[in-house]
Amino acid sequence: MPQSKGLLVKENGLSSRVEGYPRPPSALSRRLEDRIRNLCAKLTAAKDSDEAQKPLSELQSATHELIKRLRARAIAVLGSQAAPGRKALATS
């Protein structure tokens, strides 16, 4: 059986192949964006730095995850092509 072309993307342990243009945002992406909004609201409502510490740490992790997913989508669309004078996108 021939293998499907495209980039293999993992989101929360689930794998899927991205072909050509990115798919509409998945439920996992929407949940992550909702979580980021919720954490921002908690930070805004925090009365002191002690109360903000846990949501801030969770927000940092969530934004790193979102950036990782956005990089994977950009690579799926752009492939290994990089804009002139720019380094190719790297996944980490």
Protein backbone atom coordinates (compact mmCIF):
# COMPACT_ATOMS: atom_id res chain seq x y z
CA MET A 1 0.00 0.00 0.00
CA PRO A 2 1.53 3.38 -0.97
CA GLN A 3 2.23 5.81 1.81
CA SER A 4 0.30 9.06 1.90
CA LYS A 5 2.36 12.14 1.14
CA GLY A 6 2.24 15.10 3.43
CA LEU A 7 3.46 16.06 6.85
CA LEU A 8 2.57 13.88 9.82
CA VAL A 9 1.24 16.13 12.59
CA LYS A 10 0.60 15.00 16.15
CA GLU A 11 -1.85 16.80 18.40
CA ASN A 12 -2.27 15.45 21.93
CA GLY A 13 -1.16 11.99 20.88
CA LEU A 14 -3.37 11.86 17.77
CA SER A 15 -1.65 11.72 14.38
CA SER A 16 -2.94 13.03 11.09
CA ARG A 17 -1.45 13.83 7.71
CA VAL A 18 -1.66 17.39 6.45
CA GLU A 19 -1.89 17.64 2.67
CA GLY A 20 -1.50 20.93 0.84
CA TYR A 21 -3.38 23.70 2.56
CA PRO A 22 -4.16 23.42 6.25
CA ARG A 23 -7.48 22.02 7.34
CA PRO A 24 -9.90 24.16 9.27
CA PRO A 25 -8.92 24.34 12.95
CA SER A 26 -9.53 21.05 14.71
CA ALA A 27 -11.44 20.69 17.93
CA LEU A 28 -8.08 20.19 19.67
CA SER A 29 -6.83 23.55 18.37
CA ARG A 30 -10.03 25.30 19.40
CA ARG A 31 -9.78 23.78 22.87
CA LEU A 32 -6.19 24.99 23.20
CA GLU A 33 -7.17 28.50 22.12
CA ASP A 34 -10.10 28.46 24.59
CA ARG A 35 -7.71 27.32 27.33
CA ILE A 36 -5.36 30.20 26.51
CA ARG A 37 -8.26 32.69 26.72
CA ASN A 38 -9.35 31.20 30.05
CA LEU A 39 -5.84 31.41 31.47
CA CYS A 40 -5.55 35.05 30.34
CA ALA A 41 -8.80 35.81 32.18
CA LYS A 42 -7.45 34.11 35.33
CA LEU A 43 -4.28 36.18 35.11
CA THR A 44 -6.26 39.39 34.69
CA ALA A 45 -8.36 38.52 37.74
CA ALA A 46 -5.37 37.51 39.91
CA LYS A 47 -4.98 39.78 42.91
CA ASP A 48 -1.28 39.11 43.54
CA SER A 49 1.74 37.40 42.03
CA ASP A 50 1.25 34.26 44.13
CA GLU A 51 -2.24 33.80 42.70
CA ALA A 52 -0.94 34.42 39.16
CA GLN A 53 1.97 31.98 39.33
CA LYS A 54 0.15 28.76 38.36
CA PRO A 55 -1.98 30.25 35.53
CA LEU A 56 1.13 32.03 34.19
CA SER A 57 3.08 28.78 34.05
CA GLU A 58 0.15 27.01 32.36
CA LEU A 59 -0.22 29.89 29.89
CA GLN A 60 3.45 29.64 28.96
CA SER A 61 3.09 25.91 28.27
CA ALA A 62 -0.10 26.43 26.27
CA THR A 63 1.43 29.18 24.12
CA HIS A 64 4.46 26.98 23.42
CA GLU A 65 2.13 24.20 22.30
CA LEU A 66 0.17 26.60 20.08
CA ILE A 67 3.37 27.88 18.46
CA LYS A 68 4.48 24.29 17.84
CA ARG A 69 1.19 23.52 16.10
CA LEU A 70 1.30 26.72 14.03
CA ARG A 71 4.85 25.90 12.90
CA ALA A 72 3.73 22.44 11.82
CA ARG A 73 0.85 23.94 9.82
CA ALA A 74 3.18 26.51 8.20
CA ILE A 75 5.62 23.79 7.21
CA ALA A 76 2.75 21.76 5.76
CA VAL A 77 1.74 24.70 3.56
CA LEU A 78 5.16 26.07 2.69
CA GLY A 79 7.10 22.83 2.69
CA SER A 80 10.82 23.27 2.90
CA GLN A 81 10.68 26.49 0.88
CA ALA A 82 11.86 29.53 2.76
CA ALA A 83 11.45 33.16 1.83
CA PRO A 84 14.62 34.63 0.26
CA GLY A 85 17.02 35.71 2.97
CA ARG A 86 15.20 33.70 5.64
CA LYS A 87 16.14 30.46 7.31
CA ALA A 88 13.86 27.47 6.77
CA LEU A 89 11.29 26.84 9.51
CA ALA A 90 12.43 24.26 12.01
CA THR A 91 10.29 22.10 14.27
CA SER A 92 11.30 21.52 17.84
